[in-house]
Each structure stands twice: as structure tokens, then as C-alpha cells.
């Protein structure tokens, strides 16, 4: 089960963090079953943005992003694999504008 892509705004000069709480109770969650944890997390970051750092714990994934060109939008996709062998993707659309 996945949820719709979230949309965020970013200045081209900003360094901001984005991520997901896969165990949150928000709109469709929690996605992880009781006792299930995130084993791996990877981010697909499109050209024009720079992945500055990333981290994850048992239930959350975070990425720090820099760059982007004002007037463009970019889709970041996070793919996780869990201790139960499930794999899923969630995406964030970043709209870059001078702020």
C-alpha cells in the first residue's frame, strides 16, 4: 500500500531534509506491521538536485537535499526493504522557487 506523493517547496540555495515515517498513524498508516523494521533505504535523486546526506532507523527515512533550479520540479523516491521482505516506494515532489 502506498500513499500519494507529497509536495514541498524549496529555495535553490536551501539545504533541507525530507523523509518518511513508515510507522506513522497518518492517513493510511501505520504501513509497517508490529515488530517489522526497515532493513534498507535508498533514494532516487534526479539530476539537478544533490543528495547531501541520508539516514534511516527502524521506522523512518531521511534525506538532506541541496540544489535545484528555480521554476523546476523534481521527484525524489524512497525505496525501502523491510525485515518481513516487503519492498515499497514513496515519493516527494520538490518545487524549486526563489523564496
Protein backbone atom coordinates (compact mmCIF):
# COMPACT_ATOMS: atom_id res chain seq x y z
CA UNK A 1 0.00 0.00 0.00
CA UNK A 2 1.41 3.43 -0.88
CA UNK A 3 0.22 6.97 -0.41
CA UNK A 4 0.19 9.80 -2.93
CA UNK A 5 3.31 11.85 -3.47
CA UNK A 6 3.77 14.75 -1.09
CA UNK A 7 4.66 18.20 -2.47
CA UNK A 8 7.20 20.56 -0.83
CA UNK A 9 8.75 23.89 -1.83
CA UNK A 10 12.48 24.60 -1.72
CA UNK A 11 14.72 27.58 -2.48
CA UNK A 12 17.64 26.76 -4.84
CA UNK A 13 20.12 27.75 -2.09
CA UNK A 14 18.44 25.83 0.72
CA UNK A 15 19.73 22.63 2.33
CA UNK A 16 16.63 20.85 3.62
CA UNK A 17 15.67 17.45 4.97
CA UNK A 18 12.84 15.30 3.64
CA UNK A 19 11.68 11.89 4.67
CA UNK A 20 9.04 9.43 5.71
CA UNK A 21 7.86 7.90 8.96
CA UNK A 22 6.76 4.48 7.70
CA UNK A 23 5.28 3.63 11.10
CA UNK A 24 3.21 6.81 11.49
CA UNK A 25 -0.51 6.58 12.03
CA UNK A 26 -1.13 9.34 9.47
CA UNK A 27 -3.60 8.94 6.77
CA UNK A 28 -3.05 5.30 5.83
CA UNK A 29 -0.57 4.09 8.43
CA UNK A 30 1.00 2.55 10.04
CA UNK A 31 2.49 0.84 6.99
CA UNK A 32 4.92 -1.33 8.96
CA UNK A 33 3.46 -4.33 10.79
CA UNK A 34 4.08 -4.77 14.52
CA UNK A 35 7.77 -5.60 15.01
CA UNK A 36 8.64 -5.01 11.33
CA UNK A 37 11.63 -2.73 10.69
CA UNK A 38 13.36 -1.05 7.76
CA UNK A 39 16.44 -3.00 6.66
CA UNK A 40 17.46 -0.88 3.67
CA UNK A 41 16.55 2.55 2.36
CA UNK A 42 17.66 4.03 -0.95
CA UNK A 43 16.79 7.37 -2.54
CA UNK A 44 16.46 8.10 -6.26
CA UNK A 45 17.51 11.75 -6.59
CA UNK A 46 17.12 13.28 -10.06
CA UNK A 47 19.80 15.30 -11.83
CA UNK A 48 19.72 18.92 -10.71
CA UNK A 49 19.41 18.05 -7.01
CA UNK A 50 22.22 16.81 -4.79
CA UNK A 51 21.84 14.20 -2.08
CA UNK A 52 23.91 15.74 0.71
CA UNK A 53 23.30 13.11 3.42
CA UNK A 54 20.86 10.33 4.27
CA UNK A 55 19.94 8.25 7.28
CA UNK A 56 17.33 5.83 8.50
CA UNK A 57 16.38 3.95 11.62
CA UNK A 58 13.95 1.11 12.19
CA UNK A 59 10.89 3.13 11.06
CA UNK A 60 12.00 6.44 9.50
CA UNK A 61 13.99 7.53 6.45
CA UNK A 62 15.58 10.97 5.94
CA UNK A 63 17.50 12.61 3.12
CA UNK A 64 19.18 16.04 3.01
CA UNK A 65 18.93 17.78 -0.38
CA UNK A 66 20.66 20.81 -1.90
CA UNK A 67 20.45 22.49 -5.29
CA UNK A 68 17.72 22.68 -7.86
CA UNK A 69 16.80 25.32 -10.42
CA UNK A 70 14.02 27.82 -9.74
CA UNK A 71 10.97 27.01 -11.84
CA UNK A 72 11.67 23.27 -11.95
CA UNK A 73 10.08 20.43 -10.01
CA UNK A 74 11.81 17.20 -9.05
CA UNK A 75 10.56 13.87 -7.76
CA UNK A 76 12.55 12.13 -5.02
CA UNK A 77 11.69 8.47 -4.49
CA UNK A 78 12.49 6.48 -1.36
CA UNK A 79 12.54 2.67 -1.64
CA UNK A 80 12.67 0.54 1.47
CA UNK A 81 13.00 -3.16 2.14
CA UNK A 82 11.71 -4.45 5.45
CA UNK A 83 12.52 -7.26 7.85
CA UNK A 84 9.39 -9.01 6.55
CA UNK A 85 10.78 -8.97 2.98
CA UNK A 86 8.40 -6.27 1.72
CA UNK A 87 9.56 -3.51 -0.63
CA UNK A 88 7.75 -0.23 -1.27
CA UNK A 89 8.34 3.24 -2.70
CA UNK A 90 7.15 6.66 -1.61
CA UNK A 91 7.80 9.91 -3.45
CA UNK A 92 8.18 13.60 -2.67
CA UNK A 93 7.75 16.26 -5.34
CA UNK A 94 10.04 19.24 -4.70
CA UNK A 95 9.08 22.50 -6.38
CA UNK A 96 12.07 24.83 -6.52
CA UNK A 97 11.36 28.55 -6.36
CA UNK A 98 13.17 31.65 -5.19
CA UNK A 99 11.80 32.34 -1.74
